[in-house]
Amino acid sequence: EQSAVASTQRAMIWKFFDTSPVIELTNRVVGEIRKYHPPKPAADESATARERTRIVDHLRRQAPQWAFKNRMNIYQKARLGIQVEDAVIDAGYWPPLSKAVAQDLVEMVALVATRS
């Protein structure tokens, strides 16, 4: 009986650190951004702000669906922010935009999770 309890506890701990939902969501988010908002050369701050607004508005429409499908714990949300920021930079977007998009996405996923 104790080994069954210990086995269950180990499984719960490993599930906490499972990042497969994070990787899946990161790929989906970056795919959506690239599809609907292709990277453009770095521009002035006002152009960056407008692009951020367009991307975040697009993500805001999708976030509830993603958040309900992928219930994330605090570790997974932190990994999501890091993964999205890096993936958006790798996709050709400039760093200030990628950081802002990652922060906004994590906030949206967290807010949706607290509402349900």
C-alpha atoms as a PDB file:
ATOM      1  CA  GLU A   1       0.000   0.000   0.000  1.00  0.00           C
ATOM      2  CA  GLN A   2       2.827   2.420   0.793  1.00  0.00           C
ATOM      3  CA  SER A   3       4.489   1.753  -2.537  1.00  0.00           C
ATOM      4  CA  ALA A   4       1.223   2.610  -4.315  1.00  0.00           C
ATOM      5  CA  VAL A   5       1.040   5.902  -2.406  1.00  0.00           C
ATOM      6  CA  ALA A   6       4.683   6.670  -3.141  1.00  0.00           C
ATOM      7  CA  SER A   7       4.139   5.835  -6.809  1.00  0.00           C
ATOM      8  CA  THR A   8       1.129   8.166  -6.962  1.00  0.00           C
ATOM      9  CA  GLN A   9       3.103  10.945  -5.296  1.00  0.00           C
ATOM     10  CA  ARG A  10       5.976  10.540  -7.755  1.00  0.00           C
ATOM     11  CA  ALA A  11       3.542  10.672 -10.665  1.00  0.00           C
ATOM     12  CA  MET A  12       2.001  13.868  -9.279  1.00  0.00           C
ATOM     13  CA  ILE A  13       5.418  15.479  -8.909  1.00  0.00           C
ATOM     14  CA  TRP A  14       6.445  14.552 -12.458  1.00  0.00           C
ATOM     15  CA  LYS A  15       3.130  15.829 -13.798  1.00  0.00           C
ATOM     16  CA  PHE A  16       3.811  19.176 -12.110  1.00  0.00           C
ATOM     17  CA  PHE A  17       7.042  19.551 -14.115  1.00  0.00           C
ATOM     18  CA  ASP A  18       5.616  18.214 -17.398  1.00  0.00           C
ATOM     19  CA  THR A  19       6.164  20.847 -20.076  1.00  0.00           C
ATOM     20  CA  SER A  20       4.514  19.071 -23.008  1.00  0.00           C
ATOM     21  CA  PRO A  21       1.407  21.333 -22.799  1.00  0.00           C
ATOM     22  CA  VAL A  22       3.753  24.340 -22.736  1.00  0.00           C
ATOM     23  CA  ILE A  23       5.597  23.203 -25.852  1.00  0.00           C
ATOM     24  CA  GLU A  24       2.324  22.503 -27.648  1.00  0.00           C
ATOM     25  CA  LEU A  25       0.884  25.898 -26.738  1.00  0.00           C
ATOM     26  CA  THR A  26       4.119  27.693 -27.635  1.00  0.00           C
ATOM     27  CA  ASN A  27       4.120  26.120 -31.080  1.00  0.00           C
ATOM     28  CA  ARG A  28       0.478  27.032 -31.578  1.00  0.00           C
ATOM     29  CA  VAL A  29       0.950  30.636 -30.414  1.00  0.00           C
ATOM     30  CA  VAL A  30       4.012  31.265 -32.542  1.00  0.00           C
ATOM     31  CA  GLY A  31       2.287  29.646 -35.523  1.00  0.00           C
ATOM     32  CA  GLU A  32      -0.709  31.937 -35.074  1.00  0.00           C
ATOM     33  CA  ILE A  33       1.485  35.018 -34.748  1.00  0.00           C
ATOM     34  CA  ARG A  34       3.531  34.164 -37.833  1.00  0.00           C
ATOM     35  CA  LYS A  35       0.425  33.361 -39.866  1.00  0.00           C
ATOM     36  CA  TYR A  36      -1.548  36.493 -39.057  1.00  0.00           C
ATOM     37  CA  HIS A  37       1.242  38.949 -38.198  1.00  0.00           C
ATOM     38  CA  PRO A  38       4.374  38.144 -40.228  1.00  0.00           C
ATOM     39  CA  PRO A  39       7.616  39.596 -38.854  1.00  0.00           C
ATOM     40  CA  LYS A  40       8.564  43.027 -40.069  1.00  0.00           C
ATOM     41  CA  PRO A  41      11.873  44.850 -39.772  1.00  0.00           C
ATOM     42  CA  ALA A  42      12.384  46.605 -36.442  1.00  0.00           C
ATOM     43  CA  ALA A  43      10.655  49.954 -36.497  1.00  0.00           C
ATOM     44  CA  ASP A  44      10.166  52.905 -34.226  1.00  0.00           C
ATOM     45  CA  GLU A  45       8.450  52.606 -30.866  1.00  0.00           C
ATOM     46  CA  SER A  46       5.013  53.624 -32.114  1.00  0.00           C
ATOM     47  CA  ALA A  47       5.087  50.934 -34.819  1.00  0.00           C
ATOM     48  CA  THR A  48       6.189  48.387 -32.206  1.00  0.00           C
ATOM     49  CA  ALA A  49       3.318  49.430 -29.934  1.00  0.00           C
ATOM     50  CA  ARG A  50       0.785  49.101 -32.760  1.00  0.00           C
ATOM     51  CA  GLU A  51       2.086  45.660 -33.725  1.00  0.00           C
ATOM     52  CA  ARG A  52       2.016  44.544 -30.098  1.00  0.00           C
ATOM     53  CA  THR A  53      -1.590  45.714 -29.812  1.00  0.00           C
ATOM     54  CA  ARG A  54      -2.610  43.785 -32.926  1.00  0.00           C
ATOM     55  CA  ILE A  55      -0.866  40.605 -31.801  1.00  0.00           C
ATOM     56  CA  VAL A  56      -2.167  40.797 -28.248  1.00  0.00           C
ATOM     57  CA  ASP A  57      -5.718  41.433 -29.462  1.00  0.00           C
ATOM     58  CA  HIS A  58      -5.437  38.362 -31.653  1.00  0.00           C
ATOM     59  CA  LEU A  59      -4.076  36.265 -28.768  1.00  0.00           C
ATOM     60  CA  ARG A  60      -6.742  37.597 -26.406  1.00  0.00           C
ATOM     61  CA  ARG A  61      -9.413  36.082 -28.638  1.00  0.00           C
ATOM     62  CA  GLN A  62      -7.635  32.709 -28.549  1.00  0.00           C
ATOM     63  CA  ALA A  63      -6.414  32.615 -24.924  1.00  0.00           C
ATOM     64  CA  PRO A  64      -9.633  31.384 -23.272  1.00  0.00           C
ATOM     65  CA  GLN A  65      -9.768  28.354 -25.539  1.00  0.00           C
ATOM     66  CA  TRP A  66      -6.082  27.561 -24.943  1.00  0.00           C
ATOM     67  CA  ALA A  67      -6.286  28.094 -21.203  1.00  0.00           C
ATOM     68  CA  PHE A  68      -9.316  25.849 -20.746  1.00  0.00           C
ATOM     69  CA  LYS A  69      -7.720  23.120 -22.831  1.00  0.00           C
ATOM     70  CA  ASN A  70      -4.350  23.376 -21.059  1.00  0.00           C
ATOM     71  CA  ARG A  71      -4.741  23.874 -17.323  1.00  0.00           C
ATOM     72  CA  MET A  72      -1.298  25.027 -16.232  1.00  0.00           C
ATOM     73  CA  ASN A  73       0.311  25.195 -12.838  1.00  0.00           C
ATOM     74  CA  ILE A  74       2.635  28.013 -11.792  1.00  0.00           C
ATOM     75  CA  TYR A  75       5.756  26.255 -13.081  1.00  0.00           C
ATOM     76  CA  GLN A  76       4.173  25.642 -16.479  1.00  0.00           C
ATOM     77  CA  LYS A  77       3.028  29.263 -16.749  1.00  0.00           C
ATOM     78  CA  ALA A  78       6.570  30.455 -16.029  1.00  0.00           C
ATOM     79  CA  ARG A  79       7.962  28.059 -18.640  1.00  0.00           C
ATOM     80  CA  LEU A  80       5.304  29.275 -21.084  1.00  0.00           C
ATOM     81  CA  GLY A  81       6.533  32.849 -20.765  1.00  0.00           C
ATOM     82  CA  ILE A  82      10.157  31.863 -21.296  1.00  0.00           C
ATOM     83  CA  GLN A  83       9.398  29.510 -24.189  1.00  0.00           C
ATOM     84  CA  VAL A  84       7.115  31.971 -25.999  1.00  0.00           C
ATOM     85  CA  GLU A  85       9.561  34.839 -25.611  1.00  0.00           C
ATOM     86  CA  ASP A  86      12.423  32.766 -27.045  1.00  0.00           C
ATOM     87  CA  ALA A  87      10.307  31.269 -29.835  1.00  0.00           C
ATOM     88  CA  VAL A  88       8.970  34.655 -30.928  1.00  0.00           C
ATOM     89  CA  ILE A  89      12.522  36.030 -31.122  1.00  0.00           C
ATOM     90  CA  ASP A  90      13.616  32.945 -33.067  1.00  0.00           C
ATOM     91  CA  ALA A  91      10.700  33.517 -35.456  1.00  0.00           C
ATOM     92  CA  GLY A  92      12.177  36.866 -36.439  1.00  0.00           C
ATOM     93  CA  TYR A  93      10.406  39.359 -34.195  1.00  0.00           C
ATOM     94  CA  TRP A  94      12.331  41.968 -32.251  1.00  0.00           C
ATOM     95  CA  PRO A  95      13.020  41.339 -28.530  1.00  0.00           C
ATOM     96  CA  PRO A  96      10.865  44.104 -26.988  1.00  0.00           C
ATOM     97  CA  LEU A  97       7.832  42.788 -28.862  1.00  0.00           C
ATOM     98  CA  SER A  98       8.538  39.177 -27.931  1.00  0.00           C
ATOM     99  CA  LYS A  99       8.880  40.019 -24.227  1.00  0.00           C
ATOM    100  CA  ALA A 100       5.631  41.991 -24.256  1.00  0.00           C
ATOM    101  CA  VAL A 101       3.737  39.245 -26.098  1.00  0.00           C
ATOM    102  CA  ALA A 102       5.028  36.580 -23.694  1.00  0.00           C
ATOM    103  CA  GLN A 103       4.048  38.608 -20.634  1.00  0.00           C
ATOM    104  CA  ASP A 104       0.609  39.373 -22.014  1.00  0.00           C
ATOM    105  CA  LEU A 105      -0.018  35.737 -22.931  1.00  0.00           C
ATOM    106  CA  VAL A 106       0.937  34.458 -19.475  1.00  0.00           C
ATOM    107  CA  GLU A 107      -1.303  37.091 -17.873  1.00  0.00           C
ATOM    108  CA  MET A 108      -4.208  36.083 -20.105  1.00  0.00           C
ATOM    109  CA  VAL A 109      -3.754  32.356 -19.397  1.00  0.00           C
ATOM    110  CA  ALA A 110      -3.546  33.072 -15.650  1.00  0.00           C
ATOM    111  CA  LEU A 111      -6.653  35.286 -15.687  1.00  0.00           C
ATOM    112  CA  VAL A 112      -8.697  32.756 -17.599  1.00  0.00           C
ATOM    113  CA  ALA A 113      -7.628  30.020 -15.181  1.00  0.00           C
ATOM    114  CA  THR A 114      -8.704  32.068 -12.149  1.00  0.00           C
ATOM    115  CA  ARG A 115     -12.127  32.791 -13.640  1.00  0.00           C
ATOM    116  CA  SER A 116     -13.044  29.154 -13.987  1.00  0.00           C
END
